[in-house]
C-alpha atoms as a PDB file:
ATOM      1  CA  UNK A   1      -9.078 -17.614 -41.117  1.00  0.00           C
ATOM      2  CA  UNK A   2     -10.970 -14.729 -42.671  1.00  0.00           C
ATOM      3  CA  UNK A   3      -9.277 -11.574 -44.269  1.00  0.00           C
ATOM      4  CA  UNK A   4     -10.228  -9.330 -41.282  1.00  0.00           C
ATOM      5  CA  UNK A   5      -8.934 -11.784 -38.804  1.00  0.00           C
ATOM      6  CA  UNK A   6      -5.491 -11.947 -40.617  1.00  0.00           C
ATOM      7  CA  UNK A   7      -5.200  -7.977 -40.132  1.00  0.00           C
ATOM      8  CA  UNK A   8      -5.643  -7.937 -36.410  1.00  0.00           C
ATOM      9  CA  UNK A   9      -2.406  -8.139 -34.410  1.00  0.00           C
ATOM     10  CA  UNK A  10      -1.991  -8.484 -30.753  1.00  0.00           C
ATOM     11  CA  UNK A  11      -1.502  -5.218 -28.811  1.00  0.00           C
ATOM     12  CA  UNK A  12       2.114  -6.483 -28.188  1.00  0.00           C
ATOM     13  CA  UNK A  13       3.022  -6.647 -31.804  1.00  0.00           C
ATOM     14  CA  UNK A  14       1.426  -3.416 -32.644  1.00  0.00           C
ATOM     15  CA  UNK A  15       3.538  -1.737 -30.344  1.00  0.00           C
ATOM     16  CA  UNK A  16       6.891  -3.270 -31.666  1.00  0.00           C
ATOM     17  CA  UNK A  17       6.821  -6.463 -29.366  1.00  0.00           C
ATOM     18  CA  UNK A  18       7.023  -4.183 -26.114  1.00  0.00           C
ATOM     19  CA  UNK A  19       5.199  -5.738 -23.029  1.00  0.00           C
ATOM     20  CA  UNK A  20       1.848  -4.524 -22.219  1.00  0.00           C
ATOM     21  CA  UNK A  21       1.096  -3.303 -18.883  1.00  0.00           C
ATOM     22  CA  UNK A  22      -1.828  -1.638 -17.000  1.00  0.00           C
ATOM     23  CA  UNK A  23      -1.524   2.146 -15.932  1.00  0.00           C
ATOM     24  CA  UNK A  24      -2.006   2.690 -12.373  1.00  0.00           C
ATOM     25  CA  UNK A  25      -4.142   5.771 -12.847  1.00  0.00           C
ATOM     26  CA  UNK A  26      -6.307   5.098 -15.985  1.00  0.00           C
ATOM     27  CA  UNK A  27      -5.997   1.198 -15.630  1.00  0.00           C
ATOM     28  CA  UNK A  28      -5.606   0.860 -19.367  1.00  0.00           C
ATOM     29  CA  UNK A  29      -3.499  -1.688 -20.974  1.00  0.00           C
ATOM     30  CA  UNK A  30      -0.776   0.002 -22.852  1.00  0.00           C
ATOM     31  CA  UNK A  31       2.881  -0.572 -24.201  1.00  0.00           C
ATOM     32  CA  UNK A  32       5.433  -0.490 -21.827  1.00  0.00           C
ATOM     33  CA  UNK A  33       7.029   2.158 -23.856  1.00  0.00           C
ATOM     34  CA  UNK A  34       4.352   4.752 -23.005  1.00  0.00           C
ATOM     35  CA  UNK A  35       5.318   4.532 -19.377  1.00  0.00           C
ATOM     36  CA  UNK A  36       7.760   6.936 -17.791  1.00  0.00           C
ATOM     37  CA  UNK A  37       9.619   7.231 -14.519  1.00  0.00           C
ATOM     38  CA  UNK A  38       8.416  10.124 -12.639  1.00  0.00           C
ATOM     39  CA  UNK A  39      11.656  11.418 -11.389  1.00  0.00           C
ATOM     40  CA  UNK A  40      15.395  10.711 -12.408  1.00  0.00           C
ATOM     41  CA  UNK A  41      15.794   9.414  -8.536  1.00  0.00           C
ATOM     42  CA  UNK A  42      12.944   6.675  -8.745  1.00  0.00           C
ATOM     43  CA  UNK A  43      14.136   3.223  -8.589  1.00  0.00           C
ATOM     44  CA  UNK A  44      10.691   1.394  -8.930  1.00  0.00           C
ATOM     45  CA  UNK A  45       9.360   0.335 -12.465  1.00  0.00           C
ATOM     46  CA  UNK A  46       7.306   3.096 -14.221  1.00  0.00           C
ATOM     47  CA  UNK A  47       3.592   2.703 -13.228  1.00  0.00           C
ATOM     48  CA  UNK A  48       1.997   5.662 -15.115  1.00  0.00           C
ATOM     49  CA  UNK A  49       1.529   6.266 -18.775  1.00  0.00           C
ATOM     50  CA  UNK A  50       2.911   9.580 -20.362  1.00  0.00           C
ATOM     51  CA  UNK A  51      -0.682  10.819 -20.930  1.00  0.00           C
ATOM     52  CA  UNK A  52      -1.760  10.329 -17.350  1.00  0.00           C
ATOM     53  CA  UNK A  53       1.553  12.059 -15.902  1.00  0.00           C
ATOM     54  CA  UNK A  54       0.830  14.959 -18.341  1.00  0.00           C
ATOM     55  CA  UNK A  55      -2.587  15.332 -17.039  1.00  0.00           C
ATOM     56  CA  UNK A  56      -1.589  14.976 -13.530  1.00  0.00           C
ATOM     57  CA  UNK A  57       1.267  17.620 -13.971  1.00  0.00           C
ATOM     58  CA  UNK A  58      -1.286  19.854 -15.604  1.00  0.00           C
ATOM     59  CA  UNK A  59      -3.832  19.668 -12.812  1.00  0.00           C
ATOM     60  CA  UNK A  60      -0.914  20.567 -10.267  1.00  0.00           C
ATOM     61  CA  UNK A  61       0.060  23.643 -12.348  1.00  0.00           C
ATOM     62  CA  UNK A  62      -3.698  24.663 -12.402  1.00  0.00           C
ATOM     63  CA  UNK A  63      -3.863  24.072  -8.431  1.00  0.00           C
ATOM     64  CA  UNK A  64      -0.505  25.973  -7.974  1.00  0.00           C
ATOM     65  CA  UNK A  65       0.730  22.985  -6.329  1.00  0.00           C
ATOM     66  CA  UNK A  66       4.035  22.233  -8.021  1.00  0.00           C
ATOM     67  CA  UNK A  67       6.266  22.780  -4.939  1.00  0.00           C
ATOM     68  CA  UNK A  68       7.690  19.601  -3.482  1.00  0.00           C
ATOM     69  CA  UNK A  69       5.558  17.575  -5.946  1.00  0.00           C
ATOM     70  CA  UNK A  70       6.341  13.946  -5.136  1.00  0.00           C
ATOM     71  CA  UNK A  71       6.188  10.782  -7.603  1.00  0.00           C
ATOM     72  CA  UNK A  72       2.855   9.445  -7.891  1.00  0.00           C
ATOM     73  CA  UNK A  73       3.733   5.723  -7.366  1.00  0.00           C
ATOM     74  CA  UNK A  74       2.565   4.136  -4.326  1.00  0.00           C
ATOM     75  CA  UNK A  75       5.385   4.238  -1.623  1.00  0.00           C
ATOM     76  CA  UNK A  76       7.742   6.258  -3.543  1.00  0.00           C
ATOM     77  CA  UNK A  77       8.479   9.758  -1.909  1.00  0.00           C
ATOM     78  CA  UNK A  78      11.077  11.114  -4.641  1.00  0.00           C
ATOM     79  CA  UNK A  79      10.459  14.860  -5.301  1.00  0.00           C
ATOM     80  CA  UNK A  80      10.165  16.051  -8.758  1.00  0.00           C
ATOM     81  CA  UNK A  81      12.885  18.389  -9.730  1.00  0.00           C
ATOM     82  CA  UNK A  82      12.684  21.139 -12.354  1.00  0.00           C
ATOM     83  CA  UNK A  83      14.228  18.755 -15.026  1.00  0.00           C
ATOM     84  CA  UNK A  84      11.816  15.945 -14.301  1.00  0.00           C
ATOM     85  CA  UNK A  85       9.086  18.455 -14.600  1.00  0.00           C
ATOM     86  CA  UNK A  86      10.608  19.863 -18.028  1.00  0.00           C
ATOM     87  CA  UNK A  87      10.812  16.117 -19.114  1.00  0.00           C
ATOM     88  CA  UNK A  88       7.491  15.057 -18.419  1.00  0.00           C
ATOM     89  CA  UNK A  89       5.159  18.153 -18.825  1.00  0.00           C
ATOM     90  CA  UNK A  90       3.559  19.036 -21.941  1.00  0.00           C
ATOM     91  CA  UNK A  91       4.942  22.208 -23.783  1.00  0.00           C
ATOM     92  CA  UNK A  92       1.532  23.990 -22.784  1.00  0.00           C
ATOM     93  CA  UNK A  93       1.884  22.986 -19.033  1.00  0.00           C
ATOM     94  CA  UNK A  94       5.425  23.713 -19.067  1.00  0.00           C
ATOM     95  CA  UNK A  95       5.375  27.290 -20.249  1.00  0.00           C
ATOM     96  CA  UNK A  96       2.354  28.064 -17.884  1.00  0.00           C
END
């Protein structure tokens, strides 16, 4: 095995042995540690990565569409509460 091949680790190992899954929004394979529940009440597995959720919330704020904002997971109708928004939104978006 060449020197370059020895330094290449599978994505799972690079992320501390966390499982890899595809984000339902950007479709990129990422460590499951980068996925978040959208609401505290969601019972499904997290389906979207932090970056996509933050982008989605930022767009909702720009469109002034934050009342009754529901989870983005297909089939989930849980509504984001203030605490969910605070936990998920970037500092910039939250302060807007």
